[in-house]
Amino acid sequence: MRLAIALAKRDETKVYPGPFGHAPRFAIYEVAEDGKPRLLEVRENPYAAMEGGDKHQRMRELLKDVDLRVGARFGHGGSVGAFPLADRLEVGPVSVAEALERVRERQNSA
């Protein structure tokens, strides 16, 4: 499984505290069957400052290779936003390590 974690502006060890789509960049991880995450890349978000229009479609395209989006919060409830509830995990403004632990807990409870 691949996941994208919204990264804080100046500290890549923290989750971006605002809406997922406004994060300046994303840490892309591959999570192996044994649950161990491996950082693949840090991907810039060229749409961070964008509002409305086709932002949702652009965000889906930017993260089309990702199965789960992880952020402090998401801008829209239900499946109205760019990503349906099943494809995202709200963790609050925590460290990336804590976010990865919450992903592992989610996998174990599934």
PDB file of N, CA and C in Angstrom:
ATOM      1  N   MET A   1       0.844  -1.172   0.000  1.00  0.00           N
ATOM      2  CA  MET A   1       0.000   0.000   0.000  1.00  0.00           C
ATOM      3  C   MET A   1       0.895   1.243   0.000  1.00  0.00           C
ATOM      4  N   ARG A   2       0.483   2.216  -0.763  1.00  0.00           N
ATOM      5  CA  ARG A   2       1.178   3.507  -0.776  1.00  0.00           C
ATOM      6  C   ARG A   2       0.334   4.530  -0.047  1.00  0.00           C
ATOM      7  N   LEU A   3       1.021   5.415   0.673  1.00  0.00           N
ATOM      8  CA  LEU A   3       0.299   6.480   1.349  1.00  0.00           C
ATOM      9  C   LEU A   3       1.032   7.789   1.202  1.00  0.00           C
ATOM     10  N   ALA A   4       0.272   8.875   1.303  1.00  0.00           N
ATOM     11  CA  ALA A   4       0.819  10.231   1.249  1.00  0.00           C
ATOM     12  C   ALA A   4       0.505  10.909   2.567  1.00  0.00           C
ATOM     13  N   ILE A   5       1.536  11.418   3.218  1.00  0.00           N
ATOM     14  CA  ILE A   5       1.359  12.161   4.467  1.00  0.00           C
ATOM     15  C   ILE A   5       1.638  13.627   4.178  1.00  0.00           C
ATOM     16  N   ALA A   6       0.682  14.499   4.514  1.00  0.00           N
ATOM     17  CA  ALA A   6       0.855  15.936   4.337  1.00  0.00           C
ATOM     18  C   ALA A   6       1.938  16.435   5.291  1.00  0.00           C
ATOM     19  N   LEU A   7       2.963  17.087   4.754  1.00  0.00           N
ATOM     20  CA  LEU A   7       4.090  17.542   5.572  1.00  0.00           C
ATOM     21  C   LEU A   7       3.986  19.017   5.917  1.00  0.00           C
ATOM     22  N   ALA A   8       4.404  19.350   7.135  1.00  0.00           N
ATOM     23  CA  ALA A   8       4.437  20.734   7.592  1.00  0.00           C
ATOM     24  C   ALA A   8       5.396  21.558   6.733  1.00  0.00           C
ATOM     25  N   LYS A   9       5.216  22.869   6.747  1.00  0.00           N
ATOM     26  CA  LYS A   9       6.009  23.752   5.893  1.00  0.00           C
ATOM     27  C   LYS A   9       7.502  23.696   6.160  1.00  0.00           C
ATOM     28  N   ARG A  10       7.900  23.745   7.415  1.00  0.00           N
ATOM     29  CA  ARG A  10       9.334  23.843   7.714  1.00  0.00           C
ATOM     30  C   ARG A  10       9.893  22.629   8.440  1.00  0.00           C
ATOM     31  N   ASP A  11       9.048  21.674   8.750  1.00  0.00           N
ATOM     32  CA  ASP A  11       9.505  20.540   9.560  1.00  0.00           C
ATOM     33  C   ASP A  11       8.955  19.251   8.970  1.00  0.00           C
ATOM     34  N   GLU A  12       9.809  18.498   8.285  1.00  0.00           N
ATOM     35  CA  GLU A  12       9.367  17.262   7.637  1.00  0.00           C
ATOM     36  C   GLU A  12       9.098  16.138   8.621  1.00  0.00           C
ATOM     37  N   THR A  13       9.223  16.401   9.916  1.00  0.00           N
ATOM     38  CA  THR A  13       8.900  15.380  10.915  1.00  0.00           C
ATOM     39  C   THR A  13       7.495  15.570  11.470  1.00  0.00           C
ATOM     40  N   LYS A  14       6.770  16.594  10.972  1.00  0.00           N
ATOM     41  CA  LYS A  14       5.425  16.882  11.471  1.00  0.00           C
ATOM     42  C   LYS A  14       4.409  16.911  10.339  1.00  0.00           C
ATOM     43  N   VAL A  15       3.183  16.531  10.683  1.00  0.00           N
ATOM     44  CA  VAL A  15       2.072  16.577   9.733  1.00  0.00           C
ATOM     45  C   VAL A  15       1.611  18.027   9.599  1.00  0.00           C
ATOM     46  N   TYR A  16       1.320  18.439   8.383  1.00  0.00           N
ATOM     47  CA  TYR A  16       0.806  19.785   8.125  1.00  0.00           C
ATOM     48  C   TYR A  16      -0.480  19.981   8.918  1.00  0.00           C
ATOM     49  N   PRO A  17      -0.605  21.059   9.719  1.00  0.00           N
ATOM     50  CA  PRO A  17      -1.753  21.218  10.611  1.00  0.00           C
ATOM     51  C   PRO A  17      -3.057  21.653   9.933  1.00  0.00           C
ATOM     52  N   GLY A  18      -2.990  22.127   8.710  1.00  0.00           N
ATOM     53  CA  GLY A  18      -4.186  22.597   8.019  1.00  0.00           C
ATOM     54  C   GLY A  18      -4.792  21.533   7.129  1.00  0.00           C
ATOM     55  N   PRO A  19      -5.712  21.946   6.239  1.00  0.00           N
ATOM     56  CA  PRO A  19      -6.345  20.995   5.325  1.00  0.00           C
ATOM     57  C   PRO A  19      -5.317  20.291   4.433  1.00  0.00           C
ATOM     58  N   PHE A  20      -5.540  19.025   4.201  1.00  0.00           N
ATOM     59  CA  PHE A  20      -4.632  18.168   3.433  1.00  0.00           C
ATOM     60  C   PHE A  20      -4.204  18.806   2.108  1.00  0.00           C
ATOM     61  N   GLY A  21      -5.144  19.316   1.359  1.00  0.00           N
ATOM     62  CA  GLY A  21      -4.847  19.869   0.037  1.00  0.00           C
ATOM     63  C   GLY A  21      -4.018  21.130   0.045  1.00  0.00           C
ATOM     64  N   HIS A  22      -3.846  21.752   1.211  1.00  0.00           N
ATOM     65  CA  HIS A  22      -3.042  22.973   1.322  1.00  0.00           C
ATOM     66  C   HIS A  22      -1.615  22.694   1.788  1.00  0.00           C
ATOM     67  N   ALA A  23      -1.295  21.436   2.046  1.00  0.00           N
ATOM     68  CA  ALA A  23       0.067  21.083   2.460  1.00  0.00           C
ATOM     69  C   ALA A  23       1.045  21.416   1.339  1.00  0.00           C
ATOM     70  N   PRO A  24       2.210  21.939   1.668  1.00  0.00           N
ATOM     71  CA  PRO A  24       3.177  22.299   0.623  1.00  0.00           C
ATOM     72  C   PRO A  24       3.835  21.098  -0.051  1.00  0.00           C
ATOM     73  N   ARG A  25       3.838  19.955   0.652  1.00  0.00           N
ATOM     74  CA  ARG A  25       4.440  18.741   0.073  1.00  0.00           C
ATOM     75  C   ARG A  25       3.920  17.517   0.816  1.00  0.00           C
ATOM     76  N   PHE A  26       4.176  16.373   0.216  1.00  0.00           N
ATOM     77  CA  PHE A  26       3.702  15.102   0.764  1.00  0.00           C
ATOM     78  C   PHE A  26       4.854  14.105   0.825  1.00  0.00           C
ATOM     79  N   ALA A  27       4.917  13.372   1.924  1.00  0.00           N
ATOM     80  CA  ALA A  27       5.853  12.260   2.037  1.00  0.00           C
ATOM     81  C   ALA A  27       5.130  11.033   1.497  1.00  0.00           C
ATOM     82  N   ILE A  28       5.683  10.415   0.479  1.00  0.00           N
ATOM     83  CA  ILE A  28       5.080   9.234  -0.134  1.00  0.00           C
ATOM     84  C   ILE A  28       5.786   8.003   0.422  1.00  0.00           C
ATOM     85  N   TYR A  29       5.013   7.140   1.068  1.00  0.00           N
ATOM     86  CA  TYR A  29       5.541   5.920   1.679  1.00  0.00           C
ATOM     87  C   TYR A  29       4.950   4.690   1.017  1.00  0.00           C
ATOM     88  N   GLU A  30       5.737   3.639   0.994  1.00  0.00           N
ATOM     89  CA  GLU A  30       5.272   2.300   0.634  1.00  0.00           C
ATOM     90  C   GLU A  30       5.252   1.521   1.940  1.00  0.00           C
ATOM     91  N   VAL A  31       4.104   0.911   2.250  1.00  0.00           N
ATOM     92  CA  VAL A  31       3.996   0.106   3.464  1.00  0.00           C
ATOM     93  C   VAL A  31       3.952  -1.355   3.044  1.00  0.00           C
ATOM     94  N   ALA A  32       4.945  -2.113   3.488  1.00  0.00           N
ATOM     95  CA  ALA A  32       5.057  -3.531   3.140  1.00  0.00           C
ATOM     96  C   ALA A  32       4.019  -4.343   3.905  1.00  0.00           C
ATOM     97  N   GLU A  33       3.864  -5.600   3.515  1.00  0.00           N
ATOM     98  CA  GLU A  33       2.904  -6.483   4.178  1.00  0.00           C
ATOM     99  C   GLU A  33       3.210  -6.665   5.655  1.00  0.00           C
ATOM    100  N   ASP A  34       4.487  -6.533   6.022  1.00  0.00           N
ATOM    101  CA  ASP A  34       4.855  -6.661   7.436  1.00  0.00           C
ATOM    102  C   ASP A  34       4.576  -5.373   8.221  1.00  0.00           C
ATOM    103  N   GLY A  35       4.051  -4.351   7.530  1.00  0.00           N
ATOM    104  CA  GLY A  35       3.677  -3.099   8.178  1.00  0.00           C
ATOM    105  C   GLY A  35       4.773  -2.059   8.249  1.00  0.00           C
ATOM    106  N   LYS A  36       5.945  -2.371   7.727  1.00  0.00           N
ATOM    107  CA  LYS A  36       7.059  -1.425   7.802  1.00  0.00           C
ATOM    108  C   LYS A  36       6.983  -0.420   6.656  1.00  0.00           C
ATOM    109  N   PRO A  37       6.960   0.887   6.996  1.00  0.00           N
ATOM    110  CA  PRO A  37       6.909   1.917   5.956  1.00  0.00           C
ATOM    111  C   PRO A  37       8.294   2.248   5.425  1.00  0.00           C
ATOM    112  N   ARG A  38       8.343   2.562   4.135  1.00  0.00           N
ATOM    113  CA  ARG A  38       9.599   2.975   3.498  1.00  0.00           C
ATOM    114  C   ARG A  38       9.313   4.251   2.716  1.00  0.00           C
ATOM    115  N   LEU A  39      10.052   5.314   3.040  1.00  0.00           N
ATOM    116  CA  LEU A  39       9.881   6.585   2.343  1.00  0.00           C
ATOM    117  C   LEU A  39      10.374   6.446   0.908  1.00  0.00           C
ATOM    118  N   LEU A  40       9.511   6.767  -0.045  1.00  0.00           N
ATOM    119  CA  LEU A  40       9.881   6.700  -1.459  1.00  0.00           C
ATOM    120  C   LEU A  40      10.339   8.052  -1.989  1.00  0.00           C
ATOM    121  N   GLU A  41       9.606   9.102  -1.593  1.00  0.00           N
ATOM    122  CA  GLU A  41       9.922  10.438  -2.087  1.00  0.00           C
ATOM    123  C   GLU A  41       9.176  11.483  -1.277  1.00  0.00           C
ATOM    124  N   VAL A  42       9.618  12.717  -1.413  1.00  0.00           N
ATOM    125  CA  VAL A  42       8.863  13.869  -0.921  1.00  0.00           C
ATOM    126  C   VAL A  42       8.412  14.611  -2.169  1.00  0.00           C
ATOM    127  N   ARG A  43       7.098  14.724  -2.315  1.00  0.00           N
ATOM    128  CA  ARG A  43       6.499  15.273  -3.532  1.00  0.00           C
ATOM    129  C   ARG A  43       5.934  16.669  -3.252  1.00  0.00           C
ATOM    130  N   GLU A  44       6.351  17.633  -4.038  1.00  0.00           N
ATOM    131  CA  GLU A  44       5.838  19.002  -3.902  1.00  0.00           C
ATOM    132  C   GLU A  44       4.371  19.062  -4.318  1.00  0.00           C
ATOM    133  N   ASN A  45       3.629  19.972  -3.702  1.00  0.00           N
ATOM    134  CA  ASN A  45       2.221  20.183  -4.040  1.00  0.00           C
ATOM    135  C   ASN A  45       2.093  21.534  -4.738  1.00  0.00           C
ATOM    136  N   PRO A  46       2.066  21.558  -6.062  1.00  0.00           N
ATOM    137  CA  PRO A  46       1.968  22.826  -6.777  1.00  0.00           C
ATOM    138  C   PRO A  46       0.589  23.478  -6.650  1.00  0.00           C
ATOM    139  N   TYR A  47      -0.372  22.776  -6.059  1.00  0.00           N
ATOM    140  CA  TYR A  47      -1.742  23.293  -5.934  1.00  0.00           C
ATOM    141  C   TYR A  47      -2.079  23.738  -4.517  1.00  0.00           C
ATOM    142  N   ALA A  48      -1.087  23.825  -3.648  1.00  0.00           N
ATOM    143  CA  ALA A  48      -1.316  24.145  -2.236  1.00  0.00           C
ATOM    144  C   ALA A  48      -2.094  25.447  -2.047  1.00  0.00           C
ATOM    145  N   ALA A  49      -1.791  26.471  -2.806  1.00  0.00           N
ATOM    146  CA  ALA A  49      -2.446  27.772  -2.635  1.00  0.00           C
ATOM    147  C   ALA A  49      -3.720  27.906  -3.466  1.00  0.00           C
ATOM    148  N   MET A  50      -3.993  26.938  -4.294  1.00  0.00           N
ATOM    149  CA  MET A  50      -5.151  26.998  -5.184  1.00  0.00           C
ATOM    150  C   MET A  50      -6.455  26.803  -4.411  1.00  0.00           C
ATOM    151  N   GLU A  51      -7.481  27.528  -4.788  1.00  0.00           N
ATOM    152  CA  GLU A  51      -8.814  27.406  -4.189  1.00  0.00           C
ATOM    153  C   GLU A  51      -9.821  27.109  -5.294  1.00  0.00           C
ATOM    154  N   GLY A  52     -10.732  26.180  -5.031  1.00  0.00           N
ATOM    155  CA  GLY A  52     -11.825  25.914  -5.962  1.00  0.00           C
ATOM    156  C   GLY A  52     -11.378  25.474  -7.337  1.00  0.00           C
ATOM    157  N   GLY A  53     -12.217  25.771  -8.312  1.00  0.00           N
ATOM    158  CA  GLY A  53     -11.915  25.388  -9.685  1.00  0.00           C
ATOM    159  C   GLY A  53     -11.744  23.887  -9.812  1.00  0.00           C
ATOM    160  N   ASP A  54     -10.707  23.478 -10.493  1.00  0.00           N
ATOM    161  CA  ASP A  54     -10.461  22.046 -10.694  1.00  0.00           C
ATOM    162  C   ASP A  54      -9.382  21.514  -9.743  1.00  0.00           C
ATOM    163  N   LYS A  55      -9.230  22.160  -8.574  1.00  0.00           N
ATOM    164  CA  LYS A  55      -8.211  21.726  -7.617  1.00  0.00           C
ATOM    165  C   LYS A  55      -8.397  20.267  -7.231  1.00  0.00           C
ATOM    166  N   HIS A  56      -9.637  19.829  -6.960  1.00  0.00           N
ATOM    167  CA  HIS A  56      -9.858  18.441  -6.546  1.00  0.00           C
ATOM    168  C   HIS A  56      -9.362  17.467  -7.610  1.00  0.00           C
ATOM    169  N   GLN A  57      -9.666  17.756  -8.865  1.00  0.00           N
ATOM    170  CA  GLN A  57      -9.214  16.882  -9.948  1.00  0.00           C
ATOM    171  C   GLN A  57      -7.690  16.892 -10.052  1.00  0.00           C
ATOM    172  N   ARG A  58      -7.077  18.040  -9.909  1.00  0.00           N
ATOM    173  CA  ARG A  58      -5.617  18.132  -9.973  1.00  0.00           C
ATOM    174  C   ARG A  58      -4.962  17.377  -8.819  1.00  0.00           C
ATOM    175  N   MET A  59      -5.575  17.456  -7.617  1.00  0.00           N
ATOM    176  CA  MET A  59      -5.039  16.734  -6.459  1.00  0.00           C
ATOM    177  C   MET A  59      -5.165  15.222  -6.660  1.00  0.00           C
ATOM    178  N   ARG A  60      -6.291  14.783  -7.204  1.00  0.00           N
ATOM    179  CA  ARG A  60      -6.445  13.348  -7.490  1.00  0.00           C
ATOM    180  C   ARG A  60      -5.376  12.881  -8.468  1.00  0.00           C
ATOM    181  N   GLU A  61      -5.093  13.681  -9.476  1.00  0.00           N
ATOM    182  CA  GLU A  61      -4.069  13.322 -10.459  1.00  0.00           C
ATOM    183  C   GLU A  61      -2.675  13.312  -9.817  1.00  0.00           C
ATOM    184  N   LEU A  62      -2.380  14.305  -8.982  1.00  0.00           N
ATOM    185  CA  LEU A  62      -1.088  14.390  -8.313  1.00  0.00           C
ATOM    186  C   LEU A  62      -0.812  13.163  -7.453  1.00  0.00           C
ATOM    187  N   LEU A  63      -1.870  12.646  -6.823  1.00  0.00           N
ATOM    188  CA  LEU A  63      -1.715  11.520  -5.888  1.00  0.00           C
ATOM    189  C   LEU A  63      -2.391  10.248  -6.395  1.00  0.00           C
ATOM    190  N   LYS A  64      -2.469  10.086  -7.703  1.00  0.00           N
ATOM    191  CA  LYS A  64      -3.171   8.940  -8.288  1.00  0.00           C
ATOM    192  C   LYS A  64      -2.521   7.598  -7.966  1.00  0.00           C
ATOM    193  N   ASP A  65      -1.245   7.603  -7.605  1.00  0.00           N
ATOM    194  CA  ASP A  65      -0.535   6.365  -7.280  1.00  0.00           C
ATOM    195  C   ASP A  65      -0.583   6.026  -5.792  1.00  0.00           C
ATOM    196  N   VAL A  66      -1.396   6.757  -5.037  1.00  0.00           N
ATOM    197  CA  VAL A  66      -1.469   6.616  -3.585  1.00  0.00           C
ATOM    198  C   VAL A  66      -2.811   6.010  -3.188  1.00  0.00           C
ATOM    199  N   ASP A  67      -2.760   5.041  -2.246  1.00  0.00           N
ATOM    200  CA  ASP A  67      -3.970   4.371  -1.778  1.00  0.00           C
ATOM    201  C   ASP A  67      -4.622   5.071  -0.589  1.00  0.00           C
ATOM    202  N   LEU A  68      -3.815   5.713   0.261  1.00  0.00           N
ATOM    203  CA  LEU A  68      -4.324   6.339   1.478  1.00  0.00           C
ATOM    204  C   LEU A  68      -3.673   7.700   1.649  1.00  0.00           C
ATOM    205  N   ARG A  69      -4.504   8.703   1.941  1.00  0.00           N
ATOM    206  CA  ARG A  69      -4.013  10.055   2.195  1.00  0.00           C
ATOM    207  C   ARG A  69      -4.121  10.294   3.692  1.00  0.00           C
ATOM    208  N   VAL A  70      -3.053  10.812   4.304  1.00  0.00           N
ATOM    209  CA  VAL A  70      -3.001  11.010   5.749  1.00  0.00           C
ATOM    210  C   VAL A  70      -2.716  12.482   6.021  1.00  0.00           C
ATOM    211  N   GLY A  71      -3.599  13.109   6.805  1.00  0.00           N
ATOM    212  CA  GLY A  71      -3.413  14.515   7.125  1.00  0.00           C
ATOM    213  C   GLY A  71      -4.057  14.881   8.444  1.00  0.00           C
ATOM    214  N   ALA A  72      -3.771  16.090   8.901  1.00  0.00           N
ATOM    215  CA  ALA A  72      -4.351  16.575  10.151  1.00  0.00           C
ATOM    216  C   ALA A  72      -5.866  16.714  10.007  1.00  0.00           C
ATOM    217  N   ARG A  73      -6.279  17.217   8.847  1.00  0.00           N
ATOM    218  CA  ARG A  73      -7.714  17.345   8.568  1.00  0.00           C
ATOM    219  C   ARG A  73      -7.936  17.470   7.064  1.00  0.00           C
ATOM    220  N   PHE A  74      -9.170  17.221   6.686  1.00  0.00           N
ATOM    221  CA  PHE A  74      -9.555  17.307   5.282  1.00  0.00           C
ATOM    222  C   PHE A  74     -10.660  18.342   5.155  1.00  0.00           C
ATOM    223  N   GLY A  75     -10.668  19.067   4.056  1.00  0.00           N
ATOM    224  CA  GLY A  75     -11.566  20.201   3.892  1.00  0.00           C
ATOM    225  C   GLY A  75     -13.041  19.894   3.777  1.00  0.00           C
ATOM    226  N   HIS A  76     -13.403  18.733   3.260  1.00  0.00           N
ATOM    227  CA  HIS A  76     -14.816  18.413   3.044  1.00  0.00           C
ATOM    228  C   HIS A  76     -15.136  17.074   3.673  1.00  0.00           C
ATOM    229  N   GLY A  77     -16.321  16.964   4.234  1.00  0.00           N
ATOM    230  CA  GLY A  77     -16.770  15.692   4.791  1.00  0.00           C
ATOM    231  C   GLY A  77     -17.309  14.768   3.715  1.00  0.00           C
ATOM    232  N   GLY A  78     -17.547  13.530   4.063  1.00  0.00           N
ATOM    233  CA  GLY A  78     -18.121  12.557   3.129  1.00  0.00           C
ATOM    234  C   GLY A  78     -17.239  12.350   1.930  1.00  0.00           C
ATOM    235  N   SER A  79     -17.845  12.156   0.782  1.00  0.00           N
ATOM    236  CA  SER A  79     -17.063  11.954  -0.436  1.00  0.00           C
ATOM    237  C   SER A  79     -17.128  13.186  -1.323  1.00  0.00           C
ATOM    238  N   VAL A  80     -17.457  14.349  -0.738  1.00  0.00           N
ATOM    239  CA  VAL A  80     -17.600  15.578  -1.501  1.00  0.00           C
ATOM    240  C   VAL A  80     -16.246  16.123  -1.955  1.00  0.00           C
ATOM    241  N   GLY A  81     -15.197  15.934  -1.149  1.00  0.00           N
ATOM    242  CA  GLY A  81     -13.886  16.480  -1.469  1.00  0.00           C
ATOM    243  C   GLY A  81     -13.170  15.681  -2.535  1.00  0.00           C
ATOM    244  N   ALA A  82     -11.879  15.909  -2.631  1.00  0.00           N
ATOM    245  CA  ALA A  82     -11.076  15.231  -3.643  1.00  0.00           C
ATOM    246  C   ALA A  82     -10.944  13.738  -3.378  1.00  0.00           C
ATOM    247  N   PHE A  83     -11.021  13.339  -2.089  1.00  0.00           N
ATOM    248  CA  PHE A  83     -10.787  11.938  -1.737  1.00  0.00           C
ATOM    249  C   PHE A  83     -11.903  11.413  -0.846  1.00  0.00           C
ATOM    250  N   PRO A  84     -12.496  10.267  -1.180  1.00  0.00           N
ATOM    251  CA  PRO A  84     -13.544   9.663  -0.342  1.00  0.00           C
ATOM    252  C   PRO A  84     -13.011   9.289   1.041  1.00  0.00           C
ATOM    253  N   LEU A  85     -13.905   9.161   2.000  1.00  0.00           N
ATOM    254  CA  LEU A  85     -13.525   8.826   3.372  1.00  0.00           C
ATOM    255  C   LEU A  85     -12.661   7.579   3.459  1.00  0.00           C
ATOM    256  N   ALA A  86     -12.948   6.574   2.664  1.00  0.00           N
ATOM    257  CA  ALA A  86     -12.202   5.309   2.716  1.00  0.00           C
ATOM    258  C   ALA A  86     -10.745   5.480   2.296  1.00  0.00           C
ATOM    259  N   ASP A  87     -10.446   6.548   1.574  1.00  0.00           N
ATOM    260  CA  ASP A  87      -9.102   6.767   1.043  1.00  0.00           C
ATOM    261  C   ASP A  87      -8.289   7.762   1.859  1.00  0.00           C
ATOM    262  N   ARG A  88      -8.767   8.115   3.060  1.00  0.00           N
ATOM    263  CA  ARG A  88      -8.067   9.116   3.848  1.00  0.00           C
ATOM    264  C   ARG A  88      -8.137   8.810   5.336  1.00  0.00           C
ATOM    265  N   LEU A  89      -7.194   9.375   6.065  1.00  0.00           N
ATOM    266  CA  LEU A  89      -7.128   9.172   7.505  1.00  0.00           C
ATOM    267  C   LEU A  89      -6.753  10.490   8.158  1.00  0.00           C
ATOM    268  N   GLU A  90      -7.643  11.009   9.010  1.00  0.00           N
ATOM    269  CA  GLU A  90      -7.356  12.224   9.769  1.00  0.00           C
ATOM    270  C   GLU A  90      -6.628  11.844  11.040  1.00  0.00           C
ATOM    271  N   VAL A  91      -5.475  12.485  11.272  1.00  0.00           N
ATOM    272  CA  VAL A  91      -4.667  12.156  12.444  1.00  0.00           C
ATOM    273  C   VAL A  91      -4.421  13.353  13.350  1.00  0.00           C
ATOM    274  N   GLY A  92      -4.823  14.545  12.948  1.00  0.00           N
ATOM    275  CA  GLY A  92      -4.520  15.733  13.725  1.00  0.00           C
ATOM    276  C   GLY A  92      -3.086  16.181  13.492  1.00  0.00           C
ATOM    277  N   PRO A  93      -2.678  17.304  14.100  1.00  0.00           N
ATOM    278  CA  PRO A  93      -1.320  17.838  13.899  1.00  0.00           C
ATOM    279  C   PRO A  93      -0.301  17.100  14.758  1.00  0.00           C
ATOM    280  N   VAL A  94       0.058  15.914  14.333  1.00  0.00           N
ATOM    281  CA  VAL A  94       0.966  15.041  15.091  1.00  0.00           C
ATOM    282  C   VAL A  94       2.294  14.914  14.346  1.00  0.00           C
ATOM    283  N   SER A  95       3.209  14.153  14.904  1.00  0.00           N
ATOM    284  CA  SER A  95       4.468  13.870  14.209  1.00  0.00           C
ATOM    285  C   SER A  95       4.201  12.854  13.096  1.00  0.00           C
ATOM    286  N   VAL A  96       5.089  12.811  12.123  1.00  0.00           N
ATOM    287  CA  VAL A  96       4.971  11.826  11.045  1.00  0.00           C
ATOM    288  C   VAL A  96       5.061  10.418  11.629  1.00  0.00           C
ATOM    289  N   ALA A  97       5.926  10.230  12.622  1.00  0.00           N
ATOM    290  CA  ALA A  97       6.058   8.907  13.256  1.00  0.00           C
ATOM    291  C   ALA A  97       4.725   8.476  13.877  1.00  0.00           C
ATOM    292  N   GLU A  98       4.038   9.395  14.547  1.00  0.00           N
ATOM    293  CA  GLU A  98       2.741   9.053  15.137  1.00  0.00           C
ATOM    294  C   GLU A  98       1.701   8.778  14.054  1.00  0.00           C
ATOM    295  N   ALA A  99       1.741   9.537  12.967  1.00  0.00           N
ATOM    296  CA  ALA A  99       0.821   9.297  11.852  1.00  0.00           C
ATOM    297  C   ALA A  99       1.032   7.902  11.277  1.00  0.00           C
ATOM    298  N   LEU A 100       2.297   7.502  11.121  1.00  0.00           N
ATOM    299  CA  LEU A 100       2.591   6.164  10.605  1.00  0.00           C
ATOM    300  C   LEU A 100       2.107   5.089  11.570  1.00  0.00           C
ATOM    301  N   GLU A 101       2.190   5.337  12.859  1.00  0.00           N
ATOM    302  CA  GLU A 101       1.675   4.394  13.859  1.00  0.00           C
ATOM    303  C   GLU A 101       0.160   4.260  13.743  1.00  0.00           C
ATOM    304  N   ARG A 102      -0.524   5.361  13.503  1.00  0.00           N
ATOM    305  CA  ARG A 102      -1.988   5.307  13.339  1.00  0.00           C
ATOM    306  C   ARG A 102      -2.384   4.555  12.073  1.00  0.00           C
ATOM    307  N   VAL A 103      -1.575   4.680  11.035  1.00  0.00           N
ATOM    308  CA  VAL A 103      -1.822   3.899   9.815  1.00  0.00           C
ATOM    309  C   VAL A 103      -1.685   2.413  10.136  1.00  0.00           C
ATOM    310  N   ARG A 104      -0.648   2.060  10.878  1.00  0.00           N
ATOM    311  CA  ARG A 104      -0.424   0.655  11.259  1.00  0.00           C
ATOM    312  C   ARG A 104      -1.591   0.131  12.096  1.00  0.00           C
ATOM    313  N   GLU A 105      -2.071   0.928  13.046  1.00  0.00           N
ATOM    314  CA  GLU A 105      -3.218   0.537  13.864  1.00  0.00           C
ATOM    315  C   GLU A 105      -4.458   0.314  12.997  1.00  0.00           C
ATOM    316  N   ARG A 106      -4.641   1.187  12.023  1.00  0.00           N
ATOM    317  CA  ARG A 106      -5.788   1.042  11.114  1.00  0.00           C
ATOM    318  C   ARG A 106      -5.693  -0.253  10.324  1.00  0.00           C
ATOM    319  N   GLN A 107      -4.489  -0.568   9.854  1.00  0.00           N
ATOM    320  CA  GLN A 107      -4.291  -1.808   9.089  1.00  0.00           C
ATOM    321  C   GLN A 107      -4.573  -3.027   9.969  1.00  0.00           C
ATOM    322  N   ASN A 108      -4.113  -2.985  11.209  1.00  0.00           N
ATOM    323  CA  ASN A 108      -4.290  -4.115  12.115  1.00  0.00           C
ATOM    324  C   ASN A 108      -5.736  -4.330  12.527  1.00  0.00           C
ATOM    325  N   SER A 109      -6.523  -3.254  12.521  1.00  0.00           N
ATOM    326  CA  SER A 109      -7.927  -3.386  12.914  1.00  0.00           C
ATOM    327  C   SER A 109      -8.830  -3.768  11.740  1.00  0.00           C
ATOM    328  N   ALA A 110      -8.277  -3.727  10.542  1.00  0.00           N
ATOM    329  CA  ALA A 110      -9.086  -4.052   9.347  1.00  0.00           C
ATOM    330  C   ALA A 110      -9.247  -5.546   9.153  1.00  0.00           C
TER     331      ALA A 110
END
